[in-house]
Structure formats: structure tokens, C-alpha cells
Full PDB file with SEQRES, HELIX, SHEET, SSBOND, CRYST1, ORIGX, SCALE, CONECT and MASTER records, all heavy atoms in Angstrom:
SEQRES   1 A   34  LYS ASN THR LEU LYS PHE CYS LEU THR TRP ILE ILE GLY          
SEQRES   2 A   34  VAL VAL LEU SER VAL VAL ILE MET SER VAL TRP ARG ASN          
SEQRES   3 A   34  GLU GLU VAL ASP TRP LYS LEU LEU                              
HELIX    1 AA1 ASN A    2  ARG A   25  1                                  24    
CRYST1    1.000    1.000    1.000  90.00  90.00  90.00 P 1           1          
ORIGX1      1.000000  0.000000  0.000000        0.00000                         
ORIGX2      0.000000  1.000000  0.000000        0.00000                         
ORIGX3      0.000000  0.000000  1.000000        0.00000                         
SCALE1      1.000000  0.000000  0.000000        0.00000                         
SCALE2      0.000000  1.000000  0.000000        0.00000                         
SCALE3      0.000000  0.000000  1.000000        0.00000                         
ATOM      1  N   LYS A   1      -5.885 -35.787 -15.145  1.00  0.00           N  
ATOM      2  CA  LYS A   1      -7.025 -34.863 -15.103  1.00  0.00           C  
ATOM      3  C   LYS A   1      -7.913 -35.150 -13.903  1.00  0.00           C  
ATOM      4  O   LYS A   1      -8.421 -34.224 -13.271  1.00  0.00           O  
ATOM      5  CB  LYS A   1      -7.830 -34.958 -16.392  1.00  0.00           C  
ATOM      6  CG  LYS A   1      -7.136 -34.353 -17.587  1.00  0.00           C  
ATOM      7  CD  LYS A   1      -8.012 -34.431 -18.807  1.00  0.00           C  
ATOM      8  CE  LYS A   1      -7.284 -33.891 -20.021  1.00  0.00           C  
ATOM      9  NZ  LYS A   1      -8.101 -33.951 -21.227  1.00  0.00           N  
ATOM     10  N   ASN A   2      -8.098 -36.446 -13.592  1.00  0.00           N  
ATOM     11  CA  ASN A   2      -8.922 -36.798 -12.442  1.00  0.00           C  
ATOM     12  C   ASN A   2      -8.285 -36.305 -11.149  1.00  0.00           C  
ATOM     13  O   ASN A   2      -8.976 -35.865 -10.230  1.00  0.00           O  
ATOM     14  CB  ASN A   2      -9.121 -38.308 -12.373  1.00  0.00           C  
ATOM     15  CG  ASN A   2     -10.024 -38.809 -13.474  1.00  0.00           C  
ATOM     16  OD1 ASN A   2     -10.822 -38.061 -14.016  1.00  0.00           O  
ATOM     17  ND2 ASN A   2      -9.888 -40.063 -13.819  1.00  0.00           N  
ATOM     18  N   THR A   3      -6.967 -36.369 -11.066  1.00  0.00           N  
ATOM     19  CA  THR A   3      -6.260 -35.897  -9.887  1.00  0.00           C  
ATOM     20  C   THR A   3      -6.433 -34.395  -9.719  1.00  0.00           C  
ATOM     21  O   THR A   3      -6.681 -33.906  -8.614  1.00  0.00           O  
ATOM     22  CB  THR A   3      -4.763 -36.250  -9.986  1.00  0.00           C  
ATOM     23  OG1 THR A   3      -4.630 -37.646 -10.236  1.00  0.00           O  
ATOM     24  CG2 THR A   3      -4.032 -35.894  -8.720  1.00  0.00           C  
ATOM     25  N   LEU A   4      -6.308 -33.657 -10.810  1.00  0.00           N  
ATOM     26  CA  LEU A   4      -6.496 -32.204 -10.734  1.00  0.00           C  
ATOM     27  C   LEU A   4      -7.928 -31.848 -10.358  1.00  0.00           C  
ATOM     28  O   LEU A   4      -8.154 -30.935  -9.561  1.00  0.00           O  
ATOM     29  CB  LEU A   4      -6.119 -31.554 -12.061  1.00  0.00           C  
ATOM     30  CG  LEU A   4      -4.632 -31.571 -12.409  1.00  0.00           C  
ATOM     31  CD1 LEU A   4      -4.415 -31.002 -13.807  1.00  0.00           C  
ATOM     32  CD2 LEU A   4      -3.830 -30.800 -11.393  1.00  0.00           C  
ATOM     33  N   LYS A   5      -8.896 -32.568 -10.920  1.00  0.00           N  
ATOM     34  CA  LYS A   5     -10.296 -32.323 -10.557  1.00  0.00           C  
ATOM     35  C   LYS A   5     -10.511 -32.575  -9.074  1.00  0.00           C  
ATOM     36  O   LYS A   5     -11.185 -31.810  -8.388  1.00  0.00           O  
ATOM     37  CB  LYS A   5     -11.226 -33.230 -11.364  1.00  0.00           C  
ATOM     38  CG  LYS A   5     -11.447 -32.796 -12.772  1.00  0.00           C  
ATOM     39  CD  LYS A   5     -12.433 -33.745 -13.440  1.00  0.00           C  
ATOM     40  CE  LYS A   5     -12.612 -33.420 -14.898  1.00  0.00           C  
ATOM     41  NZ  LYS A   5     -13.540 -34.375 -15.543  1.00  0.00           N  
ATOM     42  N   PHE A   6      -9.931 -33.680  -8.567  1.00  0.00           N  
ATOM     43  CA  PHE A   6     -10.083 -34.007  -7.152  1.00  0.00           C  
ATOM     44  C   PHE A   6      -9.473 -32.922  -6.279  1.00  0.00           C  
ATOM     45  O   PHE A   6     -10.084 -32.490  -5.296  1.00  0.00           O  
ATOM     46  CB  PHE A   6      -9.439 -35.366  -6.836  1.00  0.00           C  
ATOM     47  CG  PHE A   6      -9.440 -35.699  -5.381  1.00  0.00           C  
ATOM     48  CD1 PHE A   6     -10.602 -36.116  -4.766  1.00  0.00           C  
ATOM     49  CD2 PHE A   6      -8.289 -35.573  -4.628  1.00  0.00           C  
ATOM     50  CE1 PHE A   6     -10.613 -36.416  -3.413  1.00  0.00           C  
ATOM     51  CE2 PHE A   6      -8.289 -35.857  -3.284  1.00  0.00           C  
ATOM     52  CZ  PHE A   6      -9.454 -36.290  -2.671  1.00  0.00           C  
ATOM     53  N   CYS A   7      -8.253 -32.468  -6.633  1.00  0.00           N  
ATOM     54  CA  CYS A   7      -7.578 -31.437  -5.837  1.00  0.00           C  
ATOM     55  C   CYS A   7      -8.372 -30.130  -5.836  1.00  0.00           C  
ATOM     56  O   CYS A   7      -8.546 -29.514  -4.785  1.00  0.00           O  
ATOM     57  CB  CYS A   7      -6.176 -31.186  -6.368  1.00  0.00           C  
ATOM     58  SG  CYS A   7      -5.013 -32.477  -5.953  1.00  0.00           S  
ATOM     59  N   LEU A   8      -8.832 -29.715  -6.991  1.00  0.00           N  
ATOM     60  CA  LEU A   8      -9.606 -28.471  -7.066  1.00  0.00           C  
ATOM     61  C   LEU A   8     -10.913 -28.584  -6.296  1.00  0.00           C  
ATOM     62  O   LEU A   8     -11.313 -27.661  -5.580  1.00  0.00           O  
ATOM     63  CB  LEU A   8      -9.872 -28.098  -8.522  1.00  0.00           C  
ATOM     64  CG  LEU A   8      -8.658 -27.576  -9.290  1.00  0.00           C  
ATOM     65  CD1 LEU A   8      -9.029 -27.338 -10.757  1.00  0.00           C  
ATOM     66  CD2 LEU A   8      -8.131 -26.302  -8.663  1.00  0.00           C  
ATOM     67  N   THR A   9     -11.578 -29.726  -6.421  1.00  0.00           N  
ATOM     68  CA  THR A   9     -12.826 -29.939  -5.689  1.00  0.00           C  
ATOM     69  C   THR A   9     -12.563 -29.928  -4.194  1.00  0.00           C  
ATOM     70  O   THR A   9     -13.331 -29.337  -3.423  1.00  0.00           O  
ATOM     71  CB  THR A   9     -13.467 -31.272  -6.110  1.00  0.00           C  
ATOM     72  OG1 THR A   9     -13.637 -31.274  -7.520  1.00  0.00           O  
ATOM     73  CG2 THR A   9     -14.796 -31.478  -5.442  1.00  0.00           C  
ATOM     74  N   TRP A  10     -11.490 -30.583  -3.765  1.00  0.00           N  
ATOM     75  CA  TRP A  10     -11.135 -30.622  -2.349  1.00  0.00           C  
ATOM     76  C   TRP A  10     -10.858 -29.218  -1.825  1.00  0.00           C  
ATOM     77  O   TRP A  10     -11.358 -28.833  -0.766  1.00  0.00           O  
ATOM     78  CB  TRP A  10      -9.904 -31.508  -2.151  1.00  0.00           C  
ATOM     79  CG  TRP A  10      -9.453 -31.572  -0.731  1.00  0.00           C  
ATOM     80  CD1 TRP A  10      -8.569 -30.749  -0.117  1.00  0.00           C  
ATOM     81  CD2 TRP A  10      -9.897 -32.491   0.269  1.00  0.00           C  
ATOM     82  NE1 TRP A  10      -8.409 -31.101   1.189  1.00  0.00           N  
ATOM     83  CE2 TRP A  10      -9.210 -32.164   1.454  1.00  0.00           C  
ATOM     84  CE3 TRP A  10     -10.780 -33.550   0.273  1.00  0.00           C  
ATOM     85  CZ2 TRP A  10      -9.397 -32.871   2.625  1.00  0.00           C  
ATOM     86  CZ3 TRP A  10     -10.954 -34.256   1.454  1.00  0.00           C  
ATOM     87  CH2 TRP A  10     -10.281 -33.913   2.598  1.00  0.00           C  
ATOM     88  N   ILE A  11     -10.063 -28.446  -2.552  1.00  0.00           N  
ATOM     89  CA  ILE A  11      -9.694 -27.100  -2.105  1.00  0.00           C  
ATOM     90  C   ILE A  11     -10.924 -26.203  -2.019  1.00  0.00           C  
ATOM     91  O   ILE A  11     -11.102 -25.470  -1.042  1.00  0.00           O  
ATOM     92  CB  ILE A  11      -8.612 -26.506  -3.026  1.00  0.00           C  
ATOM     93  CG1 ILE A  11      -7.298 -27.256  -2.825  1.00  0.00           C  
ATOM     94  CG2 ILE A  11      -8.420 -25.021  -2.767  1.00  0.00           C  
ATOM     95  CD1 ILE A  11      -6.223 -26.917  -3.831  1.00  0.00           C  
ATOM     96  N   ILE A  12     -11.799 -26.271  -3.008  1.00  0.00           N  
ATOM     97  CA  ILE A  12     -13.033 -25.468  -2.983  1.00  0.00           C  
ATOM     98  C   ILE A  12     -13.906 -25.881  -1.806  1.00  0.00           C  
ATOM     99  O   ILE A  12     -14.453 -25.034  -1.095  1.00  0.00           O  
ATOM    100  CB  ILE A  12     -13.784 -25.585  -4.319  1.00  0.00           C  
ATOM    101  CG1 ILE A  12     -12.989 -24.876  -5.419  1.00  0.00           C  
ATOM    102  CG2 ILE A  12     -15.189 -25.003  -4.220  1.00  0.00           C  
ATOM    103  CD1 ILE A  12     -13.493 -25.138  -6.821  1.00  0.00           C  
ATOM    104  N   GLY A  13     -14.015 -27.175  -1.580  1.00  0.00           N  
ATOM    105  CA  GLY A  13     -14.805 -27.668  -0.449  1.00  0.00           C  
ATOM    106  C   GLY A  13     -14.237 -27.228   0.886  1.00  0.00           C  
ATOM    107  O   GLY A  13     -14.981 -26.844   1.798  1.00  0.00           O  
ATOM    108  N   VAL A  14     -12.918 -27.262   1.017  1.00  0.00           N  
ATOM    109  CA  VAL A  14     -12.275 -26.834   2.262  1.00  0.00           C  
ATOM    110  C   VAL A  14     -12.512 -25.347   2.494  1.00  0.00           C  
ATOM    111  O   VAL A  14     -12.867 -24.930   3.599  1.00  0.00           O  
ATOM    112  CB  VAL A  14     -10.759 -27.152   2.230  1.00  0.00           C  
ATOM    113  CG1 VAL A  14     -10.018 -26.416   3.313  1.00  0.00           C  
ATOM    114  CG2 VAL A  14     -10.539 -28.641   2.346  1.00  0.00           C  
ATOM    115  N   VAL A  15     -12.311 -24.546   1.469  1.00  0.00           N  
ATOM    116  CA  VAL A  15     -12.509 -23.102   1.611  1.00  0.00           C  
ATOM    117  C   VAL A  15     -13.947 -22.792   2.013  1.00  0.00           C  
ATOM    118  O   VAL A  15     -14.192 -22.021   2.954  1.00  0.00           O  
ATOM    119  CB  VAL A  15     -12.117 -22.366   0.309  1.00  0.00           C  
ATOM    120  CG1 VAL A  15     -12.561 -20.918   0.351  1.00  0.00           C  
ATOM    121  CG2 VAL A  15     -10.626 -22.466   0.055  1.00  0.00           C  
ATOM    122  N   LEU A  16     -14.896 -23.405   1.315  1.00  0.00           N  
ATOM    123  CA  LEU A  16     -16.304 -23.156   1.646  1.00  0.00           C  
ATOM    124  C   LEU A  16     -16.651 -23.616   3.057  1.00  0.00           C  
ATOM    125  O   LEU A  16     -17.324 -22.895   3.805  1.00  0.00           O  
ATOM    126  CB  LEU A  16     -17.213 -23.847   0.628  1.00  0.00           C  
ATOM    127  CG  LEU A  16     -17.257 -23.225  -0.760  1.00  0.00           C  
ATOM    128  CD1 LEU A  16     -18.114 -24.077  -1.688  1.00  0.00           C  
ATOM    129  CD2 LEU A  16     -17.793 -21.817  -0.693  1.00  0.00           C  
ATOM    130  N   SER A  17     -16.204 -24.800   3.436  1.00  0.00           N  
ATOM    131  CA  SER A  17     -16.566 -25.307   4.759  1.00  0.00           C  
ATOM    132  C   SER A  17     -15.936 -24.483   5.877  1.00  0.00           C  
ATOM    133  O   SER A  17     -16.586 -24.211   6.893  1.00  0.00           O  
ATOM    134  CB  SER A  17     -16.182 -26.774   4.900  1.00  0.00           C  
ATOM    135  OG  SER A  17     -14.797 -26.938   4.771  1.00  0.00           O  
ATOM    136  N   VAL A  18     -14.676 -24.055   5.714  1.00  0.00           N  
ATOM    137  CA  VAL A  18     -14.035 -23.246   6.755  1.00  0.00           C  
ATOM    138  C   VAL A  18     -14.701 -21.880   6.849  1.00  0.00           C  
ATOM    139  O   VAL A  18     -14.932 -21.373   7.961  1.00  0.00           O  
ATOM    140  CB  VAL A  18     -12.514 -23.127   6.484  1.00  0.00           C  
ATOM    141  CG1 VAL A  18     -11.880 -22.094   7.386  1.00  0.00           C  
ATOM    142  CG2 VAL A  18     -11.835 -24.473   6.669  1.00  0.00           C  
ATOM    143  N   VAL A  19     -15.043 -21.275   5.723  1.00  0.00           N  
ATOM    144  CA  VAL A  19     -15.728 -19.975   5.755  1.00  0.00           C  
ATOM    145  C   VAL A  19     -17.113 -20.117   6.385  1.00  0.00           C  
ATOM    146  O   VAL A  19     -17.507 -19.299   7.221  1.00  0.00           O  
ATOM    147  CB  VAL A  19     -15.804 -19.373   4.331  1.00  0.00           C  
ATOM    148  CG1 VAL A  19     -16.742 -18.182   4.295  1.00  0.00           C  
ATOM    149  CG2 VAL A  19     -14.424 -18.973   3.845  1.00  0.00           C  
ATOM    150  N   ILE A  20     -17.847 -21.153   6.034  1.00  0.00           N  
ATOM    151  CA  ILE A  20     -19.187 -21.362   6.606  1.00  0.00           C  
ATOM    152  C   ILE A  20     -19.088 -21.610   8.111  1.00  0.00           C  
ATOM    153  O   ILE A  20     -19.893 -21.074   8.887  1.00  0.00           O  
ATOM    154  CB  ILE A  20     -19.903 -22.514   5.887  1.00  0.00           C  
ATOM    155  CG1 ILE A  20     -20.283 -22.067   4.471  1.00  0.00           C  
ATOM    156  CG2 ILE A  20     -21.131 -22.975   6.657  1.00  0.00           C  
ATOM    157  CD1 ILE A  20     -20.807 -23.184   3.593  1.00  0.00           C  
ATOM    158  N   MET A  21     -18.097 -22.412   8.543  1.00  0.00           N  
ATOM    159  CA  MET A  21     -17.925 -22.647   9.982  1.00  0.00           C  
ATOM    160  C   MET A  21     -17.602 -21.349  10.708  1.00  0.00           C  
ATOM    161  O   MET A  21     -18.105 -21.109  11.814  1.00  0.00           O  
ATOM    162  CB  MET A  21     -16.811 -23.672  10.228  1.00  0.00           C  
ATOM    163  CG  MET A  21     -17.204 -25.086   9.932  1.00  0.00           C  
ATOM    164  SD  MET A  21     -15.918 -26.345  10.125  1.00  0.00           S  
ATOM    165  CE  MET A  21     -14.605 -25.591  10.995  1.00  0.00           C  
ATOM    166  N   SER A  22     -16.780 -20.510  10.099  1.00  0.00           N  
ATOM    167  CA  SER A  22     -16.411 -19.250  10.734  1.00  0.00           C  
ATOM    168  C   SER A  22     -17.605 -18.309  10.846  1.00  0.00           C  
ATOM    169  O   SER A  22     -17.798 -17.653  11.875  1.00  0.00           O  
ATOM    170  CB  SER A  22     -15.287 -18.570   9.948  1.00  0.00           C  
ATOM    171  OG  SER A  22     -14.144 -19.374   9.927  1.00  0.00           O  
ATOM    172  N   VAL A  23     -18.408 -18.237   9.798  1.00  0.00           N  
ATOM    173  CA  VAL A  23     -19.600 -17.384   9.830  1.00  0.00           C  
ATOM    174  C   VAL A  23     -20.597 -17.921  10.851  1.00  0.00           C  
ATOM    175  O   VAL A  23     -21.212 -17.163  11.597  1.00  0.00           O  
ATOM    176  CB  VAL A  23     -20.229 -17.294   8.418  1.00  0.00           C  
ATOM    177  CG1 VAL A  23     -21.592 -16.641   8.469  1.00  0.00           C  
ATOM    178  CG2 VAL A  23     -19.307 -16.533   7.486  1.00  0.00           C  
ATOM    179  N   TRP A  24     -20.737 -19.244  10.914  1.00  0.00           N  
ATOM    180  CA  TRP A  24     -21.685 -19.873  11.829  1.00  0.00           C  
ATOM    181  C   TRP A  24     -21.323 -19.571  13.281  1.00  0.00           C  
ATOM    182  O   TRP A  24     -22.194 -19.337  14.116  1.00  0.00           O  
ATOM    183  CB  TRP A  24     -21.680 -21.386  11.590  1.00  0.00           C  
ATOM    184  CG  TRP A  24     -22.759 -22.107  12.320  1.00  0.00           C  
ATOM    185  CD1 TRP A  24     -22.675 -22.651  13.567  1.00  0.00           C  
ATOM    186  CD2 TRP A  24     -24.086 -22.368  11.871  1.00  0.00           C  
ATOM    187  NE1 TRP A  24     -23.849 -23.247  13.914  1.00  0.00           N  
ATOM    188  CE2 TRP A  24     -24.739 -23.077  12.878  1.00  0.00           C  
ATOM    189  CE3 TRP A  24     -24.764 -22.073  10.704  1.00  0.00           C  
ATOM    190  CZ2 TRP A  24     -26.045 -23.505  12.749  1.00  0.00           C  
ATOM    191  CZ3 TRP A  24     -26.067 -22.507  10.578  1.00  0.00           C  
ATOM    192  CH2 TRP A  24     -26.695 -23.205  11.586  1.00  0.00           C  
ATOM    193  N   ARG A  25     -20.035 -19.548  13.585  1.00  0.00           N  
ATOM    194  CA  ARG A  25     -19.565 -19.307  14.946  1.00  0.00           C  
ATOM    195  C   ARG A  25     -19.335 -17.824  15.239  1.00  0.00           C  
ATOM    196  O   ARG A  25     -18.929 -17.479  16.349  1.00  0.00           O  
ATOM    197  CB  ARG A  25     -18.253 -20.043  15.181  1.00  0.00           C  
ATOM    198  CG  ARG A  25     -18.369 -21.520  15.123  1.00  0.00           C  
ATOM    199  CD  ARG A  25     -17.019 -22.138  15.335  1.00  0.00           C  
ATOM    200  NE  ARG A  25     -17.047 -23.572  15.177  1.00  0.00           N  
ATOM    201  CZ  ARG A  25     -15.984 -24.342  15.113  1.00  0.00           C  
ATOM    202  NH1 ARG A  25     -14.788 -23.790  15.190  1.00  0.00           N  
ATOM    203  NH2 ARG A  25     -16.099 -25.626  14.972  1.00  0.00           N  
ATOM    204  N   ASN A  26     -19.545 -16.955  14.259  1.00  0.00           N  
ATOM    205  CA  ASN A  26     -19.271 -15.515  14.390  1.00  0.00           C  
ATOM    206  C   ASN A  26     -17.815 -15.263  14.782  1.00  0.00           C  
ATOM    207  O   ASN A  26     -17.518 -14.454  15.654  1.00  0.00           O  
ATOM    208  CB  ASN A  26     -20.214 -14.867  15.405  1.00  0.00           C  
ATOM    209  CG  ASN A  26     -21.626 -14.813  14.897  1.00  0.00           C  
ATOM    210  OD1 ASN A  26     -21.850 -14.712  13.699  1.00  0.00           O  
ATOM    211  ND2 ASN A  26     -22.587 -14.910  15.800  1.00  0.00           N  
ATOM    212  N   GLU A  27     -16.905 -15.980  14.133  1.00  0.00           N  
ATOM    213  CA  GLU A  27     -15.478 -15.830  14.379  1.00  0.00           C  
ATOM    214  C   GLU A  27     -14.779 -15.437  13.093  1.00  0.00           C  
ATOM    215  O   GLU A  27     -15.376 -15.396  12.029  1.00  0.00           O  
ATOM    216  CB  GLU A  27     -14.876 -17.148  14.884  1.00  0.00           C  
ATOM    217  CG  GLU A  27     -15.426 -17.618  16.210  1.00  0.00           C  
ATOM    218  CD  GLU A  27     -14.870 -18.969  16.595  1.00  0.00           C  
ATOM    219  OE1 GLU A  27     -14.213 -19.613  15.753  1.00  0.00           O  
ATOM    220  OE2 GLU A  27     -15.100 -19.394  17.729  1.00  0.00           O  
ATOM    221  N   GLU A  28     -13.473 -15.168  13.224  1.00  0.00           N  
ATOM    222  CA  GLU A  28     -12.663 -14.931  12.035  1.00  0.00           C  
ATOM    223  C   GLU A  28     -12.377 -16.262  11.346  1.00  0.00           C  
ATOM    224  O   GLU A  28     -12.515 -17.324  11.940  1.00  0.00           O  
ATOM    225  CB  GLU A  28     -11.346 -14.255  12.425  1.00  0.00           C  
ATOM    226  CG  GLU A  28     -11.515 -12.860  12.967  1.00  0.00           C  
ATOM    227  CD  GLU A  28     -10.191 -12.236  13.314  1.00  0.00           C  
ATOM    228  OE1 GLU A  28      -9.137 -12.873  13.105  1.00  0.00           O  
ATOM    229  OE2 GLU A  28     -10.200 -11.098  13.803  1.00  0.00           O  
ATOM    230  N   VAL A  29     -11.951 -16.176  10.100  1.00  0.00           N  
ATOM    231  CA  VAL A  29     -11.609 -17.387   9.349  1.00  0.00           C  
ATOM    232  C   VAL A  29     -10.372 -18.011   9.975  1.00  0.00           C  
ATOM    233  O   VAL A  29      -9.380 -17.335  10.245  1.00  0.00           O  
ATOM    234  CB  VAL A  29     -11.356 -17.057   7.862  1.00  0.00           C  
ATOM    235  CG1 VAL A  29     -10.869 -18.274   7.112  1.00  0.00           C  
ATOM    236  CG2 VAL A  29     -12.610 -16.511   7.220  1.00  0.00           C  
ATOM    237  N   ASP A  30     -10.433 -19.322  10.214  1.00  0.00           N  
ATOM    238  CA  ASP A  30      -9.314 -20.053  10.800  1.00  0.00           C  
ATOM    239  C   ASP A  30      -8.338 -20.423   9.685  1.00  0.00           C  
ATOM    240  O   ASP A  30      -8.479 -21.437   9.008  1.00  0.00           O  
ATOM    241  CB  ASP A  30      -9.822 -21.308  11.507  1.00  0.00           C  
ATOM    242  CG  ASP A  30      -8.748 -21.988  12.321  1.00  0.00           C  
ATOM    243  OD1 ASP A  30      -7.618 -21.477  12.346  1.00  0.00           O  
ATOM    244  OD2 ASP A  30      -9.050 -23.025  12.930  1.00  0.00           O  
ATOM    245  N   TRP A  31      -7.339 -19.560   9.480  1.00  0.00           N  
ATOM    246  CA  TRP A  31      -6.410 -19.744   8.364  1.00  0.00           C  
ATOM    247  C   TRP A  31      -5.527 -20.957   8.550  1.00  0.00           C  
ATOM    248  O   TRP A  31      -5.149 -21.612   7.585  1.00  0.00           O  
ATOM    249  CB  TRP A  31      -5.561 -18.488   8.179  1.00  0.00           C  
ATOM    250  CG  TRP A  31      -6.392 -17.323   7.755  1.00  0.00           C  
ATOM    251  CD1 TRP A  31      -6.754 -16.271   8.525  1.00  0.00           C  
ATOM    252  CD2 TRP A  31      -6.987 -17.102   6.469  1.00  0.00           C  
ATOM    253  NE1 TRP A  31      -7.542 -15.401   7.799  1.00  0.00           N  
ATOM    254  CE2 TRP A  31      -7.690 -15.889   6.537  1.00  0.00           C  
ATOM    255  CE3 TRP A  31      -6.995 -17.819   5.282  1.00  0.00           C  
ATOM    256  CZ2 TRP A  31      -8.394 -15.371   5.455  1.00  0.00           C  
ATOM    257  CZ3 TRP A  31      -7.685 -17.305   4.197  1.00  0.00           C  
ATOM    258  CH2 TRP A  31      -8.370 -16.100   4.298  1.00  0.00           C  
ATOM    259  N   LYS A  32      -5.183 -21.282   9.803  1.00  0.00           N  
ATOM    260  CA  LYS A  32      -4.350 -22.466  10.051  1.00  0.00           C  
ATOM    261  C   LYS A  32      -5.075 -23.729   9.613  1.00  0.00           C  
ATOM    262  O   LYS A  32      -4.474 -24.601   8.976  1.00  0.00           O  
ATOM    263  CB  LYS A  32      -3.981 -22.556  11.528  1.00  0.00           C  
ATOM    264  CG  LYS A  32      -2.958 -21.544  11.974  1.00  0.00           C  
ATOM    265  CD  LYS A  32      -2.569 -21.806  13.406  1.00  0.00           C  
ATOM    266  CE  LYS A  32      -3.235 -20.749  14.255  1.00  0.00           C  
ATOM    267  NZ  LYS A  32      -2.921 -20.828  15.655  1.00  0.00           N  
ATOM    268  N   LEU A  33      -6.335 -23.835   9.941  1.00  0.00           N  
ATOM    269  CA  LEU A  33      -7.127 -24.993   9.543  1.00  0.00           C  
ATOM    270  C   LEU A  33      -7.257 -25.058   8.027  1.00  0.00           C  
ATOM    271  O   LEU A  33      -7.089 -26.129   7.429  1.00  0.00           O  
ATOM    272  CB  LEU A  33      -8.513 -24.936  10.185  1.00  0.00           C  
ATOM    273  CG  LEU A  33      -9.499 -26.039   9.806  1.00  0.00           C  
ATOM    274  CD1 LEU A  33      -8.979 -27.391  10.266  1.00  0.00           C  
ATOM    275  CD2 LEU A  33     -10.860 -25.750  10.399  1.00  0.00           C  
ATOM    276  N   LEU A  34      -7.518 -23.926   7.414  1.00  0.00           N  
ATOM    277  CA  LEU A  34      -7.686 -23.861   5.965  1.00  0.00           C  
ATOM    278  C   LEU A  34      -6.426 -24.332   5.247  1.00  0.00           C  
ATOM    279  O   LEU A  34      -6.470 -25.242   4.411  1.00  0.00           O  
ATOM    280  CB  LEU A  34      -8.024 -22.431   5.547  1.00  0.00           C  
ATOM    281  CG  LEU A  34      -8.249 -22.180   4.068  1.00  0.00           C  
ATOM    282  CD1 LEU A  34      -9.567 -22.780   3.623  1.00  0.00           C  
ATOM    283  CD2 LEU A  34      -8.219 -20.705   3.773  1.00  0.00           C  
TER     284      LEU A  34                                                      
MASTER        0    0    0    1    0    0    0    6  283    1    0    3          
END                                                                             
């Protein structure tokens, strides 16, 4: 359960950070990085 929580938290954090970086730079979402 801890592993699944970590994976889900990591994935949510990655999605949010990549979207925020893209909005901040006025660019498209970097799907390769995501």
C-alpha cells in the first residue's frame, strides 16, 4: 500500500509540476518529460 501511495503521489506531483512549468513558460506541455 505504501508503494502504491508513493507511486500515485509521484505521478500526481509530476503531472502538476510539468503543467505548471508549461503554463509558466507559455509553452505546450512537455509530454516527453512527463
